[in-house]
Amino acid sequence: MLDAICELETEDHLIARTTYSVFKFQQLPDEDIERLRQWLICPACGGKAYFRKASKDGKATCFGSRYHQADCIEFKPSAQKSREEQDALEVQQQLVDADALMIDFSRKPRRHSSTNNTPTALSASKTAPTSKPSSISESSPVPVASSADGQVQEPKTDYQVNTAARTTEKRVPSQGLEKLLHSLLRGTDLAKSDLWVYTDSDRKYRWRAKNLFVNFADADPSDNKPHMYWGTISHTDSTMSWLNPADSKDIGIPIDGVKAKLLKQFAIEDKRDLEGAGLILFGKCFWNKEKTRKIIQLWNNDLQRIFISKLED
């Protein structure tokens, strides 16, 4: 995208819309870029947009969006989008066919190349899955613990595998964070589904999907339960110690304690690699001391419980 619209609310509670070309936007002072970049939308369909600075290896400055409507004239199909759509179809079919779903936090993401034709569990058919009625109630509560400094900790519970019970349970397929994130970004019914979702391999803790998956825009510090928070990254701070979601302007995700390992795990070399990236993590939301900013803390700083879907140039 060569252009994006910046929508800001005025003191009179009106919406001021300014159209920027990418060439004009990149010439703004750094402080203005940081202030405005979370308010960008696609000029054609209104989807949330991002701004990416030029890279060290010569990739150009650009606007873009992971929220284009299918008929948007700015939408350009890519190999990455095709994979994400196949992931979404696979997860959507599981919502229809399965009795529950287990999150496999240990599942490694696929590695892609420019010529990679990734096989999927579904055919390329665009036929929508059929739905089935649901007769299940609200989610079971999940015990959590927080230390005095607000650090999220694992529940101190011994997980026991009940092999005998497993043989009589209905089919429970597993899914990794990569495909779950892509399905959420591509608009499946996962975030509003009544399907039971287990967050541990021993199936001790389960949630309704609609209560587990929370977009960053809906994060609530008064909710003392952990959730799978998801959305896209707008940008980082100057030291790459905080991730700032595009979906909400008052949320920060601290990564300083795991930064070196996190950047290595997802092959992140500079701030540009995170701009516009998809993000999902299991964590807890709470206020900062001044109650001016929401903090989402990665659960126990466990890097298996976070996934970043970088944009492919």
C-alpha atoms as a PDB file:
ATOM      1  CA  MET A   1       0.000   0.000   0.000  1.00  0.00           C
ATOM      2  CA  LEU A   2       1.330   3.415  -0.927  1.00  0.00           C
ATOM      3  CA  ASP A   3      -1.308   5.299   1.085  1.00  0.00           C
ATOM      4  CA  ALA A   4      -2.987   4.955   4.468  1.00  0.00           C
ATOM      5  CA  ILE A   5      -5.536   6.997   6.394  1.00  0.00           C
ATOM      6  CA  CYS A   6      -4.816   8.145   9.933  1.00  0.00           C
ATOM      7  CA  GLU A   7      -7.949   8.480  12.077  1.00  0.00           C
ATOM      8  CA  LEU A   8      -7.632  10.570  15.238  1.00  0.00           C
ATOM      9  CA  GLU A   9     -10.297  11.765  17.653  1.00  0.00           C
ATOM     10  CA  THR A  10     -10.311  15.533  18.220  1.00  0.00           C
ATOM     11  CA  GLU A  11     -11.035  17.395  21.456  1.00  0.00           C
ATOM     12  CA  ASP A  12     -14.596  17.824  20.186  1.00  0.00           C
ATOM     13  CA  HIS A  13     -14.903  14.012  19.929  1.00  0.00           C
ATOM     14  CA  LEU A  14     -14.931  14.187  16.152  1.00  0.00           C
ATOM     15  CA  ILE A  15     -12.862  11.947  13.892  1.00  0.00           C
ATOM     16  CA  ALA A  16     -10.147  13.698  11.915  1.00  0.00           C
ATOM     17  CA  ARG A  17      -8.989  11.729   8.872  1.00  0.00           C
ATOM     18  CA  THR A  18      -5.661  12.475   7.219  1.00  0.00           C
ATOM     19  CA  THR A  19      -4.407  10.570   4.188  1.00  0.00           C
ATOM     20  CA  TYR A  20      -0.656   9.984   4.122  1.00  0.00           C
ATOM     21  CA  SER A  21       1.454   8.638   1.319  1.00  0.00           C
ATOM     22  CA  VAL A  22       4.168   6.326   2.559  1.00  0.00           C
ATOM     23  CA  PHE A  23       6.725   8.823   1.283  1.00  0.00           C
ATOM     24  CA  LYS A  24       5.217  11.652   3.325  1.00  0.00           C
ATOM     25  CA  PHE A  25       4.690   9.524   6.437  1.00  0.00           C
ATOM     26  CA  GLN A  26       8.296   8.351   6.582  1.00  0.00           C
ATOM     27  CA  GLN A  27       9.479  11.970   6.553  1.00  0.00           C
ATOM     28  CA  LEU A  28       7.591  12.799   9.752  1.00  0.00           C
ATOM     29  CA  PRO A  29       9.593  13.212  12.968  1.00  0.00           C
ATOM     30  CA  ASP A  30      10.132   9.927  14.772  1.00  0.00           C
ATOM     31  CA  GLU A  31       7.905  10.976  17.666  1.00  0.00           C
ATOM     32  CA  ASP A  32       5.031  11.704  15.263  1.00  0.00           C
ATOM     33  CA  ILE A  33       5.464   8.362  13.528  1.00  0.00           C
ATOM     34  CA  GLU A  34       5.312   6.552  16.870  1.00  0.00           C
ATOM     35  CA  ARG A  35       2.220   8.538  17.873  1.00  0.00           C
ATOM     36  CA  LEU A  36       0.297   8.033  14.631  1.00  0.00           C
ATOM     37  CA  ARG A  37       1.213   4.539  13.472  1.00  0.00           C
ATOM     38  CA  GLN A  38      -1.360   2.782  15.670  1.00  0.00           C
ATOM     39  CA  TRP A  39      -4.197   4.793  14.110  1.00  0.00           C
ATOM     40  CA  LEU A  40      -3.689   3.820  10.475  1.00  0.00           C
ATOM     41  CA  ILE A  41      -6.344   2.136   8.340  1.00  0.00           C
ATOM     42  CA  CYS A  42      -6.574   0.915   4.751  1.00  0.00           C
ATOM     43  CA  PRO A  43      -8.047   3.666   2.526  1.00  0.00           C
ATOM     44  CA  ALA A  44     -10.063   1.120   0.546  1.00  0.00           C
ATOM     45  CA  CYS A  45     -11.647  -1.211   3.123  1.00  0.00           C
ATOM     46  CA  GLY A  46     -10.913   0.405   6.476  1.00  0.00           C
ATOM     47  CA  GLY A  47      -8.960  -2.535   7.893  1.00  0.00           C
ATOM     48  CA  LYS A  48      -6.297  -1.820  10.521  1.00  0.00           C
ATOM     49  CA  ALA A  49      -3.025  -0.950   8.808  1.00  0.00           C
ATOM     50  CA  TYR A  50       0.631  -0.908   9.800  1.00  0.00           C
ATOM     51  CA  PHE A  51       3.730   1.059   8.827  1.00  0.00           C
ATOM     52  CA  ARG A  52       7.066  -0.664   8.231  1.00  0.00           C
ATOM     53  CA  LYS A  53      10.299   1.257   7.997  1.00  0.00           C
ATOM     54  CA  ALA A  54      12.933   0.499   5.399  1.00  0.00           C
ATOM     55  CA  SER A  55      15.143  -2.458   6.240  1.00  0.00           C
ATOM     56  CA  LYS A  56      18.917  -2.572   6.390  1.00  0.00           C
ATOM     57  CA  ASP A  57      19.052  -4.898   3.388  1.00  0.00           C
ATOM     58  CA  GLY A  58      17.163  -2.523   1.127  1.00  0.00           C
ATOM     59  CA  LYS A  59      13.499  -3.459   1.562  1.00  0.00           C
ATOM     60  CA  ALA A  60      11.383  -0.366   1.010  1.00  0.00           C
ATOM     61  CA  THR A  61       9.261   1.518   3.515  1.00  0.00           C
ATOM     62  CA  CYS A  62       5.627   0.520   3.151  1.00  0.00           C
ATOM     63  CA  PHE A  63       2.092   0.504   4.525  1.00  0.00           C
ATOM     64  CA  GLY A  64       0.197  -2.759   4.774  1.00  0.00           C
ATOM     65  CA  SER A  65      -2.647  -4.573   6.511  1.00  0.00           C
ATOM     66  CA  ARG A  66      -3.471  -8.075   7.694  1.00  0.00           C
ATOM     67  CA  TYR A  67      -7.130  -7.133   7.967  1.00  0.00           C
ATOM     68  CA  HIS A  68      -8.046  -6.433   4.334  1.00  0.00           C
ATOM     69  CA  GLN A  69     -11.534  -7.408   3.198  1.00  0.00           C
ATOM     70  CA  ALA A  70     -11.511 -10.154   0.565  1.00  0.00           C
ATOM     71  CA  ASP A  71     -12.744  -7.755  -2.122  1.00  0.00           C
ATOM     72  CA  CYS A  72     -10.395  -4.899  -1.172  1.00  0.00           C
ATOM     73  CA  ILE A  73      -8.517  -3.483  -4.156  1.00  0.00           C
ATOM     74  CA  GLU A  74      -5.408  -3.179  -1.958  1.00  0.00           C
ATOM     75  CA  PHE A  75      -5.468  -6.882  -1.185  1.00  0.00           C
ATOM     76  CA  LYS A  76      -2.670  -8.783  -2.899  1.00  0.00           C
ATOM     77  CA  PRO A  77      -2.771 -12.581  -2.513  1.00  0.00           C
ATOM     78  CA  SER A  78       0.520 -14.127  -1.457  1.00  0.00           C
ATOM     79  CA  ALA A  79       1.922 -17.515  -0.550  1.00  0.00           C
ATOM     80  CA  GLN A  80       1.792 -16.495   3.099  1.00  0.00           C
ATOM     81  CA  LYS A  81      -1.872 -15.536   2.920  1.00  0.00           C
ATOM     82  CA  SER A  82      -2.714 -18.768   1.119  1.00  0.00           C
ATOM     83  CA  ARG A  83      -1.071 -20.789   3.907  1.00  0.00           C
ATOM     84  CA  GLU A  84      -2.891 -18.777   6.547  1.00  0.00           C
ATOM     85  CA  GLU A  85      -6.217 -19.362   4.800  1.00  0.00           C
ATOM     86  CA  GLN A  86      -5.557 -23.105   4.670  1.00  0.00           C
ATOM     87  CA  ASP A  87      -4.729 -23.035   8.394  1.00  0.00           C
ATOM     88  CA  ALA A  88      -8.004 -21.216   9.023  1.00  0.00           C
ATOM     89  CA  LEU A  89      -9.959 -23.823   7.052  1.00  0.00           C
ATOM     90  CA  GLU A  90      -8.293 -26.632   8.983  1.00  0.00           C
ATOM     91  CA  VAL A  91      -9.115 -25.114  12.378  1.00  0.00           C
ATOM     92  CA  GLN A  92     -12.663 -24.254  11.276  1.00  0.00           C
ATOM     93  CA  GLN A  93     -13.211 -27.894  10.285  1.00  0.00           C
ATOM     94  CA  GLN A  94     -11.959 -29.005  13.702  1.00  0.00           C
ATOM     95  CA  LEU A  95     -14.514 -26.713  15.327  1.00  0.00           C
ATOM     96  CA  VAL A  96     -17.191 -28.585  13.403  1.00  0.00           C
ATOM     97  CA  ASP A  97     -15.911 -32.145  13.693  1.00  0.00           C
ATOM     98  CA  ALA A  98     -14.206 -32.368  17.094  1.00  0.00           C
ATOM     99  CA  ASP A  99     -15.708 -32.677  20.554  1.00  0.00           C
ATOM    100  CA  ALA A 100     -12.838 -30.663  22.062  1.00  0.00           C
ATOM    101  CA  LEU A 101      -9.438 -29.285  21.120  1.00  0.00           C
ATOM    102  CA  MET A 102      -6.104 -29.415  22.913  1.00  0.00           C
ATOM    103  CA  ILE A 103      -3.472 -26.707  22.484  1.00  0.00           C
ATOM    104  CA  ASP A 104      -0.073 -28.263  21.832  1.00  0.00           C
ATOM    105  CA  PHE A 105       2.299 -25.563  23.062  1.00  0.00           C
ATOM    106  CA  SER A 106       5.314 -27.710  22.155  1.00  0.00           C
ATOM    107  CA  ARG A 107       4.410 -27.988  18.457  1.00  0.00           C
ATOM    108  CA  LYS A 108       7.091 -26.369  16.331  1.00  0.00           C
ATOM    109  CA  PRO A 109       6.022 -23.877  13.641  1.00  0.00           C
ATOM    110  CA  ARG A 110       6.544 -24.757  10.001  1.00  0.00           C
ATOM    111  CA  ARG A 111       9.501 -23.294   8.171  1.00  0.00           C
ATOM    112  CA  HIS A 112       8.663 -21.596   4.883  1.00  0.00           C
ATOM    113  CA  SER A 113      10.647 -20.646   1.833  1.00  0.00           C
ATOM    114  CA  SER A 114       9.646 -18.683  -1.224  1.00  0.00           C
ATOM    115  CA  THR A 115       9.068 -21.954  -3.090  1.00  0.00           C
ATOM    116  CA  ASN A 116       7.458 -23.829  -0.224  1.00  0.00           C
ATOM    117  CA  ASN A 117       4.208 -25.568  -1.048  1.00  0.00           C
ATOM    118  CA  THR A 118       3.019 -26.542   2.404  1.00  0.00           C
ATOM    119  CA  PRO A 119       0.706 -29.576   2.528  1.00  0.00           C
ATOM    120  CA  THR A 120      -2.377 -29.185   4.656  1.00  0.00           C
ATOM    121  CA  ALA A 121      -4.936 -31.475   6.191  1.00  0.00           C
ATOM    122  CA  LEU A 122      -7.573 -30.051   3.885  1.00  0.00           C
ATOM    123  CA  SER A 123      -7.911 -29.862   0.171  1.00  0.00           C
ATOM    124  CA  ALA A 124      -7.881 -26.488  -1.520  1.00  0.00           C
ATOM    125  CA  SER A 125     -11.655 -26.525  -1.650  1.00  0.00           C
ATOM    126  CA  LYS A 126     -13.292 -23.320  -0.452  1.00  0.00           C
ATOM    127  CA  THR A 127     -16.451 -25.116   0.598  1.00  0.00           C
ATOM    128  CA  ALA A 128     -17.460 -23.870   4.035  1.00  0.00           C
ATOM    129  CA  PRO A 129     -17.696 -26.520   6.779  1.00  0.00           C
ATOM    130  CA  THR A 130     -21.153 -27.376   8.007  1.00  0.00           C
ATOM    131  CA  SER A 131     -22.016 -26.462  11.557  1.00  0.00           C
ATOM    132  CA  LYS A 132     -23.349 -28.654  14.313  1.00  0.00           C
ATOM    133  CA  PRO A 133     -25.457 -27.704  17.328  1.00  0.00           C
ATOM    134  CA  SER A 134     -23.828 -27.108  20.675  1.00  0.00           C
ATOM    135  CA  SER A 135     -25.248 -27.991  24.048  1.00  0.00           C
ATOM    136  CA  ILE A 136     -22.400 -27.091  26.368  1.00  0.00           C
ATOM    137  CA  SER A 137     -22.232 -24.694  29.282  1.00  0.00           C
ATOM    138  CA  GLU A 138     -19.734 -22.093  30.469  1.00  0.00           C
ATOM    139  CA  SER A 139     -16.042 -22.815  30.940  1.00  0.00           C
ATOM    140  CA  SER A 140     -14.503 -24.462  33.960  1.00  0.00           C
ATOM    141  CA  PRO A 141     -12.500 -22.055  36.125  1.00  0.00           C
ATOM    142  CA  VAL A 142      -8.737 -22.215  35.899  1.00  0.00           C
ATOM    143  CA  PRO A 143      -6.713 -21.609  39.091  1.00  0.00           C
ATOM    144  CA  VAL A 144      -3.931 -19.035  38.737  1.00  0.00           C
ATOM    145  CA  ALA A 145      -1.357 -17.538  41.033  1.00  0.00           C
ATOM    146  CA  SER A 146       0.431 -14.214  41.002  1.00  0.00           C
ATOM    147  CA  SER A 147       3.520 -13.215  42.921  1.00  0.00           C
ATOM    148  CA  ALA A 148       3.794  -9.968  44.855  1.00  0.00           C
ATOM    149  CA  ASP A 149       5.439  -8.195  41.933  1.00  0.00           C
ATOM    150  CA  GLY A 150       2.703  -9.162  39.498  1.00  0.00           C
ATOM    151  CA  GLN A 151       4.733 -11.881  37.780  1.00  0.00           C
ATOM    152  CA  VAL A 152       2.429 -14.595  36.466  1.00  0.00           C
ATOM    153  CA  GLN A 153       3.230 -18.066  37.743  1.00  0.00           C
ATOM    154  CA  GLU A 154       2.076 -21.567  36.908  1.00  0.00           C
ATOM    155  CA  PRO A 155      -0.476 -23.174  39.253  1.00  0.00           C
ATOM    156  CA  LYS A 156       1.367 -25.434  41.658  1.00  0.00           C
ATOM    157  CA  THR A 157      -0.440 -28.598  40.605  1.00  0.00           C
ATOM    158  CA  ASP A 158       0.897 -32.059  39.803  1.00  0.00           C
ATOM    159  CA  TYR A 159      -0.430 -33.193  36.448  1.00  0.00           C
ATOM    160  CA  GLN A 160      -1.326 -36.887  36.450  1.00  0.00           C
ATOM    161  CA  VAL A 161      -2.038 -38.702  33.192  1.00  0.00           C
ATOM    162  CA  ASN A 162      -5.120 -40.877  33.539  1.00  0.00           C
ATOM    163  CA  THR A 163      -4.567 -43.371  30.715  1.00  0.00           C
ATOM    164  CA  ALA A 164      -7.678 -45.383  31.439  1.00  0.00           C
ATOM    165  CA  ALA A 165      -9.900 -42.343  31.299  1.00  0.00           C
ATOM    166  CA  ARG A 166      -8.357 -41.221  28.033  1.00  0.00           C
ATOM    167  CA  THR A 167      -9.367 -44.371  26.205  1.00  0.00           C
ATOM    168  CA  THR A 168     -13.048 -43.666  26.856  1.00  0.00           C
ATOM    169  CA  GLU A 169     -12.947 -39.961  25.946  1.00  0.00           C
ATOM    170  CA  LYS A 170     -14.164 -38.652  22.648  1.00  0.00           C
ATOM    171  CA  ARG A 171     -11.709 -37.602  19.975  1.00  0.00           C
ATOM    172  CA  VAL A 172      -9.641 -34.556  21.024  1.00  0.00           C
ATOM    173  CA  PRO A 173      -7.298 -33.366  18.262  1.00  0.00           C
ATOM    174  CA  SER A 174      -4.434 -31.029  19.068  1.00  0.00           C
ATOM    175  CA  GLN A 175      -3.362 -27.822  17.391  1.00  0.00           C
ATOM    176  CA  GLY A 176      -0.311 -25.586  17.672  1.00  0.00           C
ATOM    177  CA  LEU A 177      -0.206 -21.831  18.193  1.00  0.00           C
ATOM    178  CA  GLU A 178       0.762 -21.074  14.589  1.00  0.00           C
ATOM    179  CA  LYS A 179      -2.444 -22.384  13.027  1.00  0.00           C
ATOM    180  CA  LEU A 180      -4.607 -21.105  15.877  1.00  0.00           C
ATOM    181  CA  LEU A 181      -3.262 -17.586  15.370  1.00  0.00           C
ATOM    182  CA  HIS A 182      -3.735 -17.723  11.603  1.00  0.00           C
ATOM    183  CA  SER A 183      -7.301 -18.942  12.045  1.00  0.00           C
ATOM    184  CA  LEU A 184      -8.064 -16.035  14.362  1.00  0.00           C
ATOM    185  CA  LEU A 185      -6.489 -13.497  12.013  1.00  0.00           C
ATOM    186  CA  ARG A 186      -8.492 -14.918   9.098  1.00  0.00           C
ATOM    187  CA  GLY A 187     -11.818 -14.659  10.916  1.00  0.00           C
ATOM    188  CA  THR A 188     -12.849 -18.216  11.817  1.00  0.00           C
ATOM    189  CA  ASP A 189     -15.438 -18.896  14.508  1.00  0.00           C
ATOM    190  CA  LEU A 190     -12.777 -19.953  17.025  1.00  0.00           C
ATOM    191  CA  ALA A 191     -13.000 -16.810  19.199  1.00  0.00           C
ATOM    192  CA  LYS A 192     -16.768 -17.200  19.626  1.00  0.00           C
ATOM    193  CA  SER A 193     -17.032 -20.990  19.683  1.00  0.00           C
ATOM    194  CA  ASP A 194     -18.451 -23.086  22.545  1.00  0.00           C
ATOM    195  CA  LEU A 195     -15.890 -25.829  21.870  1.00  0.00           C
ATOM    196  CA  TRP A 196     -13.954 -27.030  24.918  1.00  0.00           C
ATOM    197  CA  VAL A 197     -10.238 -26.193  24.639  1.00  0.00           C
ATOM    198  CA  TYR A 198      -7.644 -27.826  26.887  1.00  0.00           C
ATOM    199  CA  THR A 199      -4.527 -25.830  27.782  1.00  0.00           C
ATOM    200  CA  ASP A 200      -2.525 -28.741  29.156  1.00  0.00           C
ATOM    201  CA  SER A 201      -1.633 -32.153  27.784  1.00  0.00           C
ATOM    202  CA  ASP A 202      -3.240 -33.946  30.744  1.00  0.00           C
ATOM    203  CA  ARG A 203      -6.596 -32.280  29.986  1.00  0.00           C
ATOM    204  CA  LYS A 204      -6.903 -30.917  33.512  1.00  0.00           C
ATOM    205  CA  TYR A 205      -7.734 -27.312  32.578  1.00  0.00           C
ATOM    206  CA  ARG A 206     -10.357 -26.602  29.961  1.00  0.00           C
ATOM    207  CA  TRP A 207     -12.148 -23.517  28.678  1.00  0.00           C
ATOM    208  CA  ARG A 208     -14.828 -22.584  26.234  1.00  0.00           C
ATOM    209  CA  ALA A 209     -12.969 -21.228  23.225  1.00  0.00           C
ATOM    210  CA  LYS A 210     -15.012 -18.022  23.364  1.00  0.00           C
ATOM    211  CA  ASN A 211     -13.740 -17.423  26.915  1.00  0.00           C
ATOM    212  CA  LEU A 212     -10.140 -18.416  26.246  1.00  0.00           C
ATOM    213  CA  PHE A 213      -9.244 -16.489  23.078  1.00  0.00           C
ATOM    214  CA  VAL A 214      -9.273 -12.724  23.676  1.00  0.00           C
ATOM    215  CA  ASN A 215      -8.259 -10.065  21.175  1.00  0.00           C
ATOM    216  CA  PHE A 216      -5.923  -7.412  22.579  1.00  0.00           C
ATOM    217  CA  ALA A 217      -8.680  -4.819  22.156  1.00  0.00           C
ATOM    218  CA  ASP A 218     -10.845  -6.744  24.657  1.00  0.00           C
ATOM    219  CA  ALA A 219      -8.193  -7.376  27.345  1.00  0.00           C
ATOM    220  CA  ASP A 220      -9.629  -6.705  30.819  1.00  0.00           C
ATOM    221  CA  PRO A 221      -7.266  -6.167  33.791  1.00  0.00           C
ATOM    222  CA  SER A 222     -10.091  -6.904  36.232  1.00  0.00           C
ATOM    223  CA  ASP A 223     -10.303 -10.471  34.896  1.00  0.00           C
ATOM    224  CA  ASN A 224      -7.889 -12.445  37.060  1.00  0.00           C
ATOM    225  CA  LYS A 225      -7.776 -15.471  34.756  1.00  0.00           C
ATOM    226  CA  PRO A 226      -5.128 -16.048  32.081  1.00  0.00           C
ATOM    227  CA  HIS A 227      -6.186 -16.072  28.440  1.00  0.00           C
ATOM    228  CA  MET A 228      -4.847 -16.654  24.956  1.00  0.00           C
ATOM    229  CA  TYR A 229      -4.411 -13.036  23.839  1.00  0.00           C
ATOM    230  CA  TRP A 230      -4.031 -12.412  20.109  1.00  0.00           C
ATOM    231  CA  GLY A 231      -3.860  -9.730  17.433  1.00  0.00           C
ATOM    232  CA  THR A 232      -1.140  -7.903  15.547  1.00  0.00           C
ATOM    233  CA  ILE A 233       1.886  -5.866  16.568  1.00  0.00           C
ATOM    234  CA  SER A 234       2.047  -2.204  15.622  1.00  0.00           C
ATOM    235  CA  HIS A 235       5.635  -1.548  16.718  1.00  0.00           C
ATOM    236  CA  THR A 236       8.102  -1.919  19.573  1.00  0.00           C
ATOM    237  CA  ASP A 237       9.777   0.615  21.808  1.00  0.00           C
ATOM    238  CA  SER A 238      13.250   1.878  20.932  1.00  0.00           C
ATOM    239  CA  THR A 239      15.011  -0.931  22.842  1.00  0.00           C
ATOM    240  CA  MET A 240      12.682  -3.711  21.647  1.00  0.00           C
ATOM    241  CA  SER A 241      11.711  -4.422  25.254  1.00  0.00           C
ATOM    242  CA  TRP A 242       7.959  -3.855  24.767  1.00  0.00           C
ATOM    243  CA  LEU A 243       5.541  -4.999  22.077  1.00  0.00           C
ATOM    244  CA  ASN A 244       2.720  -2.556  21.286  1.00  0.00           C
ATOM    245  CA  PRO A 245      -0.401  -4.187  19.776  1.00  0.00           C
ATOM    246  CA  ALA A 246      -2.135  -2.527  16.851  1.00  0.00           C
ATOM    247  CA  ASP A 247      -5.509  -3.607  18.237  1.00  0.00           C
ATOM    248  CA  SER A 248      -5.308  -1.434  21.369  1.00  0.00           C
ATOM    249  CA  LYS A 249      -3.457   1.783  22.133  1.00  0.00           C
ATOM    250  CA  ASP A 250      -3.186   1.298  25.918  1.00  0.00           C
ATOM    251  CA  ILE A 251      -1.571  -2.153  26.122  1.00  0.00           C
ATOM    252  CA  GLY A 252       2.078  -3.090  26.452  1.00  0.00           C
ATOM    253  CA  ILE A 253       3.630  -6.565  26.412  1.00  0.00           C
ATOM    254  CA  PRO A 254       7.001  -6.703  28.221  1.00  0.00           C
ATOM    255  CA  ILE A 255       9.577  -9.039  26.697  1.00  0.00           C
ATOM    256  CA  ASP A 256      12.784  -7.705  28.245  1.00  0.00           C
ATOM    257  CA  GLY A 257      13.193 -10.755  30.473  1.00  0.00           C
ATOM    258  CA  VAL A 258      13.107 -13.150  27.507  1.00  0.00           C
ATOM    259  CA  LYS A 259      14.138 -10.812  24.688  1.00  0.00           C
ATOM    260  CA  ALA A 260      17.344 -12.489  23.518  1.00  0.00           C
ATOM    261  CA  LYS A 261      15.798 -15.958  23.372  1.00  0.00           C
ATOM    262  CA  LEU A 262      12.549 -14.686  21.861  1.00  0.00           C
ATOM    263  CA  LEU A 263      14.273 -12.787  19.062  1.00  0.00           C
ATOM    264  CA  LYS A 264      16.424 -15.805  18.278  1.00  0.00           C
ATOM    265  CA  GLN A 265      13.462 -18.205  18.338  1.00  0.00           C
ATOM    266  CA  PHE A 266      11.572 -16.209  15.712  1.00  0.00           C
ATOM    267  CA  ALA A 267      14.625 -15.002  13.730  1.00  0.00           C
ATOM    268  CA  ILE A 268      13.927 -11.344  14.502  1.00  0.00           C
ATOM    269  CA  GLU A 269      16.832  -9.119  13.557  1.00  0.00           C
ATOM    270  CA  ASP A 270      15.406  -5.617  13.906  1.00  0.00           C
ATOM    271  CA  LYS A 271      12.246  -3.726  14.839  1.00  0.00           C
ATOM    272  CA  ARG A 272      10.944  -3.912  11.277  1.00  0.00           C
ATOM    273  CA  ASP A 273      10.553  -7.689  11.590  1.00  0.00           C
ATOM    274  CA  LEU A 274       7.909  -7.145  14.284  1.00  0.00           C
ATOM    275  CA  GLU A 275       5.961  -4.365  12.575  1.00  0.00           C
ATOM    276  CA  GLY A 276       2.670  -5.813  11.355  1.00  0.00           C
ATOM    277  CA  ALA A 277       3.425  -9.300  12.709  1.00  0.00           C
ATOM    278  CA  GLY A 278       0.687 -11.514  14.136  1.00  0.00           C
ATOM    279  CA  LEU A 279       0.983 -12.405  17.826  1.00  0.00           C
ATOM    280  CA  ILE A 280      -0.640 -14.899  20.187  1.00  0.00           C
ATOM    281  CA  LEU A 281       0.407 -15.611  23.761  1.00  0.00           C
ATOM    282  CA  PHE A 282      -0.924 -17.235  26.904  1.00  0.00           C
ATOM    283  CA  GLY A 283      -0.756 -14.720  29.700  1.00  0.00           C
ATOM    284  CA  LYS A 284      -2.473 -12.509  32.215  1.00  0.00           C
ATOM    285  CA  CYS A 285      -3.590  -8.883  31.957  1.00  0.00           C
ATOM    286  CA  PHE A 286      -3.227  -6.355  34.777  1.00  0.00           C
ATOM    287  CA  TRP A 287      -2.814  -2.609  35.304  1.00  0.00           C
ATOM    288  CA  ASN A 288       0.489  -0.849  35.775  1.00  0.00           C
ATOM    289  CA  LYS A 289       0.980   0.902  39.119  1.00  0.00           C
ATOM    290  CA  GLU A 290      -0.556   4.156  37.870  1.00  0.00           C
ATOM    291  CA  LYS A 291      -3.474   2.307  36.233  1.00  0.00           C
ATOM    292  CA  THR A 292      -2.786   4.178  33.010  1.00  0.00           C
ATOM    293  CA  ARG A 293      -1.651   1.227  30.909  1.00  0.00           C
ATOM    294  CA  LYS A 294      -2.624  -2.421  30.644  1.00  0.00           C
ATOM    295  CA  ILE A 295       0.163  -4.984  30.858  1.00  0.00           C
ATOM    296  CA  ILE A 296      -0.086  -8.469  29.372  1.00  0.00           C
ATOM    297  CA  GLN A 297       2.546 -10.713  30.927  1.00  0.00           C
ATOM    298  CA  LEU A 298       3.623 -13.919  29.208  1.00  0.00           C
ATOM    299  CA  TRP A 299       2.693 -16.867  31.420  1.00  0.00           C
ATOM    300  CA  ASN A 300       5.736 -17.841  33.480  1.00  0.00           C
ATOM    301  CA  ASN A 301       7.929 -16.330  30.725  1.00  0.00           C
ATOM    302  CA  ASP A 302       7.526 -19.643  28.906  1.00  0.00           C
ATOM    303  CA  LEU A 303       8.513 -19.160  25.253  1.00  0.00           C
ATOM    304  CA  GLN A 304       6.461 -22.201  24.236  1.00  0.00           C
ATOM    305  CA  ARG A 305       3.361 -20.152  25.058  1.00  0.00           C
ATOM    306  CA  ILE A 306       3.959 -17.394  22.526  1.00  0.00           C
ATOM    307  CA  PHE A 307       4.003 -17.347  18.736  1.00  0.00           C
ATOM    308  CA  ILE A 308       4.891 -14.518  16.356  1.00  0.00           C
ATOM    309  CA  SER A 309       3.859 -14.689  12.714  1.00  0.00           C
ATOM    310  CA  LYS A 310       6.232 -12.383  10.850  1.00  0.00           C
ATOM    311  CA  LEU A 311       5.262 -10.769   7.591  1.00  0.00           C
ATOM    312  CA  GLU A 312       7.024 -12.122   4.531  1.00  0.00           C
ATOM    313  CA  ASP A 313       8.447  -9.504   2.207  1.00  0.00           C
END
